Structures are given as structure tokens and as C-alpha cells.
Amino acid sequence: MHMDVIDLRDFYGRPLGRVAQYQIERRVDEIWPDVRGLNVLGLGFATPYLTPFLGKAERVIGLMPARQGVMQWPADGRCLTGLVDERELPLPEESMDRVLLVHGLEASESMRVLLRQIWRVLAPGGRLMIVVPNRRGLWARREATPFGHGQPFSRSQITQLLRESMFSPSRWEVALFVPPFDWRPLLRSAAAWERAGHMLWPRFSGVILVEATKQIYSATPLPAARKVKSRIRAIAPLPSPVPSPRDAAPED
């Protein structure tokens, strides 16, 4: 089960969603403080976190998977979002410098294919940042938020998935220690919860943020079509002498 674009929009319009956005956005800004002259791609439902990049990055776009739906962003001006098949991103190879994946990996039906597509469009030296629900956190257990849907992750699970997809984790951050309830007195103390959580129980954060670099020294698998052609050539028999009429088999 996953949330569609309307559910996600409504969540970020609530006080709890605004608190979550602010706390995660702070960590994203710490990891990527300067995007001047870079092409930035947001995948999944990353638009709440792309707004700070507008006017700074060379290019900012948001792509949303077909099963989730798409909405216009930003609200004013030219639309920078599009609906895509996550297994085949409509972008040229090595065209993006930064890729931010939010509300995407945990709901994907083809995680490794999605990550290989990101690897393809990411430029050498580019960076991928993923925000996912923490398996140990309280947010992953509450379905009233988007982080309570899909597959939560541990740090070791993300590391293995990234390495299998030719990425190398380079930095880790955590966020969302305030309990996931729309209780205003609780939300007003969110900053105190964040400070205490980072010091006392960092393993129980609501989300995990990981930045990863593209491994360009690994062998790149051939596309499926090329693999089939190569395999056919490898097993094709060598030409043989023309058989005599009595040995020749009738053709279909």
C-alpha cells in the first residue's frame, strides 16, 4: 500500500507535515549547502524539498512515478514536474549532478532497477541523496504519515542495496525524533526533541538520510537487448559445407 500524490500533498499541508518538512530540509541543506550551477533532480515526492534549490541550481526538475500520480510544481510559473515510469527515466545519460529521492525507494516495486536508472542519469562525480523511513523509528509504525507506508530500512539494508546498485554511501544523517502525532503542544517542542534525539537515541530517528556517490570504476552491465545479441553470436555454429541433396532437411 502506498500514498498517492493527493495524500502526500495533504500530509505536507498539516502541522505535522510542515514540522517533518522543516526538520528533513535542514539536514538536506547541511549535506548540499551549495548547488550553484548544478542540475538537480527530485524523484518520488521530493517537491517539498526542492523549493530551496530554485534560483540557486542551474536546473531543477521533479519526476513522480506513475502509480503515485503527479501534480504541478511550483504552484506559480512554469511547471517543473512530470509523470514517469521509474524503470525508464526520460533523461539523457549523465545529465544530472544531484538526485534527491524522497517517498520513492520504500514504495518502489523495482528498487534495483530504479537505482540503476539513477546511476545512468547521474553525472560522474554526482551525488544521490535518499530519505527513507527508519525501521527502528516510531514514524515507520504510524500509517497516518507517508513514512508509515512501504518498506522501512535499516542502515545496513540501505548500504547493501546501494552497493549492489554501484553506489558508495558517503554520508549519513538522521531526522524526525518528535513523535508522529498532530498534537500542537508536542509539535511546538519539535526542536527540543530533535536535539535530544541526536544526542541520546540517534538509532531511533524517524528517517534516515544517506548520500551516495556513483561508482564509475565498476563494470557496467550491458543492456538486455545487447546481452541477447551477444549470447546468440556466442552460441551460433560456424558455417558448414553445403550438404548433399539426399542429406538436406526440408525447410519449414
C-alpha atoms as a PDB file:
ATOM      1  CA  MET A   1       0.000   0.000   0.000  1.00  0.00           C
ATOM      2  CA  HIS A   2       1.227   3.499  -0.811  1.00  0.00           C
ATOM      3  CA  MET A   3       0.007   7.081  -0.667  1.00  0.00           C
ATOM      4  CA  ASP A   4      -0.912   8.879  -3.868  1.00  0.00           C
ATOM      5  CA  VAL A   5       0.032  12.443  -4.703  1.00  0.00           C
ATOM      6  CA  ILE A   6      -3.114  13.890  -3.088  1.00  0.00           C
ATOM      7  CA  ASP A   7      -2.420  12.101   0.214  1.00  0.00           C
ATOM      8  CA  LEU A   8       1.180  13.333   0.168  1.00  0.00           C
ATOM      9  CA  ARG A   9       0.155  16.897  -0.617  1.00  0.00           C
ATOM     10  CA  ASP A  10      -2.391  16.862   2.202  1.00  0.00           C
ATOM     11  CA  PHE A  11       0.163  15.491   4.686  1.00  0.00           C
ATOM     12  CA  TYR A  12       2.608  18.304   3.993  1.00  0.00           C
ATOM     13  CA  GLY A  13      -0.218  20.794   4.410  1.00  0.00           C
ATOM     14  CA  ARG A  14      -0.818  19.654   8.002  1.00  0.00           C
ATOM     15  CA  PRO A  15       1.152  20.935  11.017  1.00  0.00           C
ATOM     16  CA  LEU A  16       2.847  17.551  11.448  1.00  0.00           C
ATOM     17  CA  GLY A  17       3.851  17.529   7.785  1.00  0.00           C
ATOM     18  CA  ARG A  18       5.285  21.036   7.997  1.00  0.00           C
ATOM     19  CA  VAL A  19       7.350  20.046  11.024  1.00  0.00           C
ATOM     20  CA  ALA A  20       8.630  16.944   9.196  1.00  0.00           C
ATOM     21  CA  GLN A  21       9.479  19.003   6.123  1.00  0.00           C
ATOM     22  CA  TYR A  22      11.396  21.576   8.145  1.00  0.00           C
ATOM     23  CA  GLN A  23      13.465  19.034  10.071  1.00  0.00           C
ATOM     24  CA  ILE A  24      14.350  16.982   6.977  1.00  0.00           C
ATOM     25  CA  GLU A  25      15.010  20.100   4.906  1.00  0.00           C
ATOM     26  CA  ARG A  26      17.579  21.240   7.488  1.00  0.00           C
ATOM     27  CA  ARG A  27      19.537  18.009   7.039  1.00  0.00           C
ATOM     28  CA  VAL A  28      19.317  18.185   3.246  1.00  0.00           C
ATOM     29  CA  ASP A  29      20.704  21.723   3.370  1.00  0.00           C
ATOM     30  CA  GLU A  30      23.569  20.593   5.616  1.00  0.00           C
ATOM     31  CA  ILE A  31      24.567  17.885   3.143  1.00  0.00           C
ATOM     32  CA  TRP A  32      24.085  20.014  -0.006  1.00  0.00           C
ATOM     33  CA  PRO A  33      24.712  23.617   1.059  1.00  0.00           C
ATOM     34  CA  ASP A  34      25.740  24.814  -2.405  1.00  0.00           C
ATOM     35  CA  VAL A  35      24.078  23.701  -5.662  1.00  0.00           C
ATOM     36  CA  ARG A  36      25.025  26.703  -7.805  1.00  0.00           C
ATOM     37  CA  GLY A  37      25.467  25.732 -11.443  1.00  0.00           C
ATOM     38  CA  LEU A  38      24.224  22.166 -10.873  1.00  0.00           C
ATOM     39  CA  ASN A  39      21.323  20.185 -12.350  1.00  0.00           C
ATOM     40  CA  VAL A  40      19.092  18.854  -9.552  1.00  0.00           C
ATOM     41  CA  LEU A  41      16.523  16.067  -9.976  1.00  0.00           C
ATOM     42  CA  GLY A  42      13.879  15.186  -7.391  1.00  0.00           C
ATOM     43  CA  LEU A  43      12.346  11.705  -7.614  1.00  0.00           C
ATOM     44  CA  GLY A  44       9.277  10.314  -5.853  1.00  0.00           C
ATOM     45  CA  PHE A  45       7.523  13.125  -3.995  1.00  0.00           C
ATOM     46  CA  ALA A  46      10.542  15.367  -3.465  1.00  0.00           C
ATOM     47  CA  THR A  47       8.993  18.720  -4.395  1.00  0.00           C
ATOM     48  CA  PRO A  48       8.604  19.936  -0.763  1.00  0.00           C
ATOM     49  CA  TYR A  49      12.394  19.723  -0.514  1.00  0.00           C
ATOM     50  CA  LEU A  50      13.254  21.120  -3.947  1.00  0.00           C
ATOM     51  CA  THR A  51      11.957  24.652  -3.380  1.00  0.00           C
ATOM     52  CA  PRO A  52      15.186  25.901  -1.679  1.00  0.00           C
ATOM     53  CA  PHE A  53      17.124  24.914  -4.808  1.00  0.00           C
ATOM     54  CA  LEU A  54      15.067  27.153  -7.100  1.00  0.00           C
ATOM     55  CA  GLY A  55      17.044  30.209  -8.124  1.00  0.00           C
ATOM     56  CA  LYS A  56      20.291  28.568  -7.000  1.00  0.00           C
ATOM     57  CA  ALA A  57      20.725  25.470  -9.139  1.00  0.00           C
ATOM     58  CA  GLU A  58      21.143  25.677 -12.896  1.00  0.00           C
ATOM     59  CA  ARG A  59      18.136  23.392 -13.416  1.00  0.00           C
ATOM     60  CA  VAL A  60      15.589  21.812 -11.047  1.00  0.00           C
ATOM     61  CA  ILE A  61      13.016  19.198 -12.079  1.00  0.00           C
ATOM     62  CA  GLY A  62      10.743  16.794 -10.219  1.00  0.00           C
ATOM     63  CA  LEU A  63       9.703  13.407 -11.601  1.00  0.00           C
ATOM     64  CA  MET A  64       6.927  11.376  -9.976  1.00  0.00           C
ATOM     65  CA  PRO A  65       6.165   7.669 -10.551  1.00  0.00           C
ATOM     66  CA  ALA A  66       3.014   6.754 -12.479  1.00  0.00           C
ATOM     67  CA  ARG A  67       1.439   4.764  -9.639  1.00  0.00           C
ATOM     68  CA  GLN A  68       1.672   7.814  -7.356  1.00  0.00           C
ATOM     69  CA  GLY A  69       0.404  10.478  -9.728  1.00  0.00           C
ATOM     70  CA  VAL A  70       1.713  13.936 -10.476  1.00  0.00           C
ATOM     71  CA  MET A  71       0.850  17.498  -9.511  1.00  0.00           C
ATOM     72  CA  GLN A  72       2.012  20.854 -10.773  1.00  0.00           C
ATOM     73  CA  TRP A  73       5.029  22.361  -9.062  1.00  0.00           C
ATOM     74  CA  PRO A  74       5.759  25.099  -8.350  1.00  0.00           C
ATOM     75  CA  ALA A  75       2.256  26.475  -7.937  1.00  0.00           C
ATOM     76  CA  ASP A  76       3.184  29.658  -9.818  1.00  0.00           C
ATOM     77  CA  GLY A  77       5.150  29.814 -13.022  1.00  0.00           C
ATOM     78  CA  ARG A  78       6.332  27.134 -15.418  1.00  0.00           C
ATOM     79  CA  CYS A  79       5.599  23.546 -14.362  1.00  0.00           C
ATOM     80  CA  LEU A  80       8.773  21.627 -13.471  1.00  0.00           C
ATOM     81  CA  THR A  81       7.250  18.216 -12.744  1.00  0.00           C
ATOM     82  CA  GLY A  82       6.445  15.190 -14.886  1.00  0.00           C
ATOM     83  CA  LEU A  83       4.904  11.722 -14.653  1.00  0.00           C
ATOM     84  CA  VAL A  84       7.335   8.882 -15.453  1.00  0.00           C
ATOM     85  CA  ASP A  85       7.930   5.159 -15.407  1.00  0.00           C
ATOM     86  CA  GLU A  86      10.556   4.766 -12.685  1.00  0.00           C
ATOM     87  CA  ARG A  87      12.073   1.859 -14.623  1.00  0.00           C
ATOM     88  CA  GLU A  88      12.869   4.102 -17.589  1.00  0.00           C
ATOM     89  CA  LEU A  89      13.612   7.713 -16.694  1.00  0.00           C
ATOM     90  CA  PRO A  90      13.240  10.007 -19.738  1.00  0.00           C
ATOM     91  CA  LEU A  91      16.576  11.739 -19.207  1.00  0.00           C
ATOM     92  CA  PRO A  92      19.887  11.567 -21.088  1.00  0.00           C
ATOM     93  CA  GLU A  93      22.802   9.686 -19.584  1.00  0.00           C
ATOM     94  CA  GLU A  94      24.973  11.629 -17.128  1.00  0.00           C
ATOM     95  CA  SER A  95      22.665  14.659 -17.291  1.00  0.00           C
ATOM     96  CA  MET A  96      22.079  15.321 -13.548  1.00  0.00           C
ATOM     97  CA  ASP A  97      24.537  16.411 -10.864  1.00  0.00           C
ATOM     98  CA  ARG A  98      22.316  15.816  -7.830  1.00  0.00           C
ATOM     99  CA  VAL A  99      19.399  13.398  -7.363  1.00  0.00           C
ATOM    100  CA  LEU A 100      17.129  13.614  -4.309  1.00  0.00           C
ATOM    101  CA  LEU A 101      14.925  10.544  -3.752  1.00  0.00           C
ATOM    102  CA  VAL A 102      12.098  11.057  -1.229  1.00  0.00           C
ATOM    103  CA  HIS A 103       8.947   8.928  -0.837  1.00  0.00           C
ATOM    104  CA  GLY A 104      10.221   6.817  -3.692  1.00  0.00           C
ATOM    105  CA  LEU A 105      12.505   3.952  -2.740  1.00  0.00           C
ATOM    106  CA  GLU A 106      10.352   2.476   0.037  1.00  0.00           C
ATOM    107  CA  ALA A 107       7.297   2.329  -2.264  1.00  0.00           C
ATOM    108  CA  SER A 108       9.116   1.123  -5.381  1.00  0.00           C
ATOM    109  CA  GLU A 109       8.292  -2.263  -6.868  1.00  0.00           C
ATOM    110  CA  SER A 110      11.661  -2.346  -8.654  1.00  0.00           C
ATOM    111  CA  MET A 111      14.186  -0.816  -6.257  1.00  0.00           C
ATOM    112  CA  ARG A 112      17.314  -2.040  -8.019  1.00  0.00           C
ATOM    113  CA  VAL A 113      16.007  -1.036 -11.442  1.00  0.00           C
ATOM    114  CA  LEU A 114      15.188   2.431 -10.107  1.00  0.00           C
ATOM    115  CA  LEU A 115      18.659   2.821  -8.631  1.00  0.00           C
ATOM    116  CA  ARG A 116      20.283   1.668 -11.866  1.00  0.00           C
ATOM    117  CA  GLN A 117      18.257   4.298 -13.726  1.00  0.00           C
ATOM    118  CA  ILE A 118      19.508   6.922 -11.292  1.00  0.00           C
ATOM    119  CA  TRP A 119      23.063   5.643 -11.822  1.00  0.00           C
ATOM    120  CA  ARG A 120      22.592   6.075 -15.572  1.00  0.00           C
ATOM    121  CA  VAL A 121      21.395   9.702 -15.450  1.00  0.00           C
ATOM    122  CA  LEU A 122      23.840  10.786 -12.734  1.00  0.00           C
ATOM    123  CA  ALA A 123      26.969  12.534 -13.963  1.00  0.00           C
ATOM    124  CA  PRO A 124      30.456  11.359 -12.911  1.00  0.00           C
ATOM    125  CA  GLY A 125      31.110  12.943  -9.531  1.00  0.00           C
ATOM    126  CA  GLY A 126      27.369  13.384  -8.997  1.00  0.00           C
ATOM    127  CA  ARG A 127      25.613  12.665  -5.716  1.00  0.00           C
ATOM    128  CA  LEU A 128      22.458  10.779  -4.783  1.00  0.00           C
ATOM    129  CA  MET A 129      20.613  11.509  -1.538  1.00  0.00           C
ATOM    130  CA  ILE A 130      17.919   9.122  -0.287  1.00  0.00           C
ATOM    131  CA  VAL A 131      15.426   9.799   2.507  1.00  0.00           C
ATOM    132  CA  VAL A 132      13.773   6.623   3.819  1.00  0.00           C
ATOM    133  CA  PRO A 133      11.810   5.551   6.916  1.00  0.00           C
ATOM    134  CA  ASN A 134      13.959   4.116   9.690  1.00  0.00           C
ATOM    135  CA  ARG A 135      12.965   0.548  10.540  1.00  0.00           C
ATOM    136  CA  ARG A 136      13.615   1.214  14.242  1.00  0.00           C
ATOM    137  CA  GLY A 137      11.764   4.518  14.383  1.00  0.00           C
ATOM    138  CA  LEU A 138       8.231   5.297  15.535  1.00  0.00           C
ATOM    139  CA  TRP A 139       7.325   7.036  12.263  1.00  0.00           C
ATOM    140  CA  ALA A 140       7.583   3.768  10.320  1.00  0.00           C
ATOM    141  CA  ARG A 141       4.874   2.300  12.561  1.00  0.00           C
ATOM    142  CA  ARG A 142       2.276   5.011  12.077  1.00  0.00           C
ATOM    143  CA  GLU A 143       0.312   4.825   8.821  1.00  0.00           C
ATOM    144  CA  ALA A 144      -1.097   8.317   9.262  1.00  0.00           C
ATOM    145  CA  THR A 145       2.157   9.630   7.749  1.00  0.00           C
ATOM    146  CA  PRO A 146       3.835   8.745   4.417  1.00  0.00           C
ATOM    147  CA  PHE A 147       6.767   7.280   6.337  1.00  0.00           C
ATOM    148  CA  GLY A 148       4.465   4.559   7.678  1.00  0.00           C
ATOM    149  CA  HIS A 149       3.884   3.139   4.182  1.00  0.00           C
ATOM    150  CA  GLY A 150       6.119   0.919   2.092  1.00  0.00           C
ATOM    151  CA  GLN A 151       9.286  -0.777   3.257  1.00  0.00           C
ATOM    152  CA  PRO A 152      11.304   0.813   6.073  1.00  0.00           C
ATOM    153  CA  PHE A 153      15.074   0.316   6.103  1.00  0.00           C
ATOM    154  CA  SER A 154      17.946  -0.189   8.456  1.00  0.00           C
ATOM    155  CA  ARG A 155      21.321   1.371   7.737  1.00  0.00           C
ATOM    156  CA  SER A 156      22.815  -1.977   6.770  1.00  0.00           C
ATOM    157  CA  GLN A 157      19.956  -2.707   4.351  1.00  0.00           C
ATOM    158  CA  ILE A 158      20.421   0.598   2.538  1.00  0.00           C
ATOM    159  CA  THR A 159      24.177   0.062   2.378  1.00  0.00           C
ATOM    160  CA  GLN A 160      23.775  -3.345   0.774  1.00  0.00           C
ATOM    161  CA  LEU A 161      21.181  -2.085  -1.714  1.00  0.00           C
ATOM    162  CA  LEU A 162      23.349   0.855  -2.738  1.00  0.00           C
ATOM    163  CA  ARG A 163      26.484  -1.227  -3.197  1.00  0.00           C
ATOM    164  CA  GLU A 164      24.606  -3.761  -5.307  1.00  0.00           C
ATOM    165  CA  SER A 165      23.493  -0.835  -7.492  1.00  0.00           C
ATOM    166  CA  MET A 166      27.023   0.575  -7.915  1.00  0.00           C
ATOM    167  CA  PHE A 167      26.788   3.383  -5.348  1.00  0.00           C
ATOM    168  CA  SER A 168      29.033   4.018  -2.381  1.00  0.00           C
ATOM    169  CA  PRO A 169      27.497   5.599   0.778  1.00  0.00           C
ATOM    170  CA  SER A 170      29.491   8.673   1.749  1.00  0.00           C
ATOM    171  CA  ARG A 171      27.478  10.437   4.480  1.00  0.00           C
ATOM    172  CA  TRP A 172      24.686   9.627   6.897  1.00  0.00           C
ATOM    173  CA  GLU A 173      22.221  11.853   8.735  1.00  0.00           C
ATOM    174  CA  VAL A 174      19.057  11.243  10.783  1.00  0.00           C
ATOM    175  CA  ALA A 175      15.949  13.317  11.475  1.00  0.00           C
ATOM    176  CA  LEU A 176      12.436  13.242  12.992  1.00  0.00           C
ATOM    177  CA  PHE A 177      12.615  12.376  16.673  1.00  0.00           C
ATOM    178  CA  VAL A 178       9.382  14.115  17.621  1.00  0.00           C
ATOM    179  CA  PRO A 179       6.549  11.553  17.939  1.00  0.00           C
ATOM    180  CA  PRO A 180       4.349  11.496  14.779  1.00  0.00           C
ATOM    181  CA  PHE A 181       1.151  12.949  16.251  1.00  0.00           C
ATOM    182  CA  ASP A 182      -0.765  16.115  15.332  1.00  0.00           C
ATOM    183  CA  TRP A 183      -0.737  17.429  18.881  1.00  0.00           C
ATOM    184  CA  ARG A 184       0.226  21.095  18.805  1.00  0.00           C
ATOM    185  CA  PRO A 185       1.953  21.272  22.230  1.00  0.00           C
ATOM    186  CA  LEU A 186       4.098  18.323  21.108  1.00  0.00           C
ATOM    187  CA  LEU A 187       4.905  19.892  17.738  1.00  0.00           C
ATOM    188  CA  ARG A 188       5.920  23.171  19.376  1.00  0.00           C
ATOM    189  CA  SER A 189       8.679  21.260  21.180  1.00  0.00           C
ATOM    190  CA  ALA A 190       9.930  19.556  17.980  1.00  0.00           C
ATOM    191  CA  ALA A 191      13.286  21.369  18.084  1.00  0.00           C
ATOM    192  CA  ALA A 192      13.939  20.078  21.607  1.00  0.00           C
ATOM    193  CA  TRP A 193      13.027  16.541  20.525  1.00  0.00           C
ATOM    194  CA  GLU A 194      15.494  16.800  17.634  1.00  0.00           C
ATOM    195  CA  ARG A 195      18.358  17.958  19.848  1.00  0.00           C
ATOM    196  CA  ALA A 196      17.698  15.275  22.444  1.00  0.00           C
ATOM    197  CA  GLY A 197      17.278  12.550  19.841  1.00  0.00           C
ATOM    198  CA  HIS A 198      20.575  13.295  18.109  1.00  0.00           C
ATOM    199  CA  MET A 199      22.395  13.119  21.438  1.00  0.00           C
ATOM    200  CA  LEU A 200      20.574  10.274  23.211  1.00  0.00           C
ATOM    201  CA  TRP A 201      18.901   7.891  20.731  1.00  0.00           C
ATOM    202  CA  PRO A 202      20.101   8.536  17.137  1.00  0.00           C
ATOM    203  CA  ARG A 203      19.275   4.959  16.083  1.00  0.00           C
ATOM    204  CA  PHE A 204      15.569   5.585  16.647  1.00  0.00           C
ATOM    205  CA  SER A 205      15.101   8.524  14.301  1.00  0.00           C
ATOM    206  CA  GLY A 206      12.029   8.685  12.092  1.00  0.00           C
ATOM    207  CA  VAL A 207      14.012   8.818   8.869  1.00  0.00           C
ATOM    208  CA  ILE A 208      17.498   8.054   7.616  1.00  0.00           C
ATOM    209  CA  LEU A 209      19.245  10.264   5.083  1.00  0.00           C
ATOM    210  CA  VAL A 210      22.142   8.811   3.117  1.00  0.00           C
ATOM    211  CA  GLU A 211      24.275  10.494   0.486  1.00  0.00           C
ATOM    212  CA  ALA A 212      25.967   8.190  -2.023  1.00  0.00           C
ATOM    213  CA  THR A 213      28.446   8.615  -4.847  1.00  0.00           C
ATOM    214  CA  LYS A 214      28.361   6.913  -8.215  1.00  0.00           C
ATOM    215  CA  GLN A 215      30.954   4.176  -8.680  1.00  0.00           C
ATOM    216  CA  ILE A 216      32.340   4.643 -12.164  1.00  0.00           C
ATOM    217  CA  TYR A 217      35.133   2.085 -11.867  1.00  0.00           C
ATOM    218  CA  SER A 218      32.767  -0.893 -11.717  1.00  0.00           C
ATOM    219  CA  ALA A 219      31.923  -2.891 -14.808  1.00  0.00           C
ATOM    220  CA  THR A 220      28.730  -1.605 -16.396  1.00  0.00           C
ATOM    221  CA  PRO A 221      26.266  -4.366 -17.351  1.00  0.00           C
ATOM    222  CA  LEU A 222      25.185  -4.358 -20.982  1.00  0.00           C
ATOM    223  CA  PRO A 223      21.554  -3.520 -21.752  1.00  0.00           C
ATOM    224  CA  ALA A 224      19.317  -6.552 -22.049  1.00  0.00           C
ATOM    225  CA  ALA A 225      18.987  -6.310 -25.838  1.00  0.00           C
ATOM    226  CA  ARG A 226      22.753  -6.249 -26.345  1.00  0.00           C
ATOM    227  CA  LYS A 227      23.198  -9.167 -23.960  1.00  0.00           C
ATOM    228  CA  VAL A 228      20.821 -11.299 -26.009  1.00  0.00           C
ATOM    229  CA  LYS A 229      22.585 -10.481 -29.269  1.00  0.00           C
ATOM    230  CA  SER A 230      25.978 -11.285 -27.802  1.00  0.00           C
ATOM    231  CA  ARG A 231      24.705 -14.570 -26.435  1.00  0.00           C
ATOM    232  CA  ILE A 232      23.282 -15.561 -29.815  1.00  0.00           C
ATOM    233  CA  ARG A 233      26.532 -14.833 -31.576  1.00  0.00           C
ATOM    234  CA  ALA A 234      28.457 -16.792 -28.985  1.00  0.00           C
ATOM    235  CA  ILE A 235      26.463 -19.996 -29.481  1.00  0.00           C
ATOM    236  CA  ALA A 236      25.859 -19.738 -33.243  1.00  0.00           C
ATOM    237  CA  PRO A 237      27.547 -22.611 -35.137  1.00  0.00           C
ATOM    238  CA  LEU A 238      30.219 -21.947 -37.718  1.00  0.00           C
ATOM    239  CA  PRO A 239      29.191 -22.238 -41.396  1.00  0.00           C
ATOM    240  CA  SER A 240      29.358 -25.820 -42.634  1.00  0.00           C
ATOM    241  CA  PRO A 241      29.785 -27.199 -46.187  1.00  0.00           C
ATOM    242  CA  VAL A 242      26.623 -27.355 -48.300  1.00  0.00           C
ATOM    243  CA  PRO A 243      25.013 -30.793 -47.689  1.00  0.00           C
ATOM    244  CA  SER A 244      24.272 -33.180 -50.483  1.00  0.00           C
ATOM    245  CA  PRO A 245      20.630 -33.286 -51.724  1.00  0.00           C
ATOM    246  CA  ARG A 246      19.853 -36.565 -50.007  1.00  0.00           C
ATOM    247  CA  ASP A 247      21.182 -35.247 -46.630  1.00  0.00           C
ATOM    248  CA  ALA A 248      19.488 -31.877 -46.770  1.00  0.00           C
ATOM    249  CA  ALA A 249      16.479 -31.414 -44.485  1.00  0.00           C
ATOM    250  CA  PRO A 250      13.340 -29.776 -45.842  1.00  0.00           C
ATOM    251  CA  GLU A 251      12.827 -26.187 -44.733  1.00  0.00           C
ATOM    252  CA  ASP A 252       9.715 -25.036 -42.880  1.00  0.00           C
END
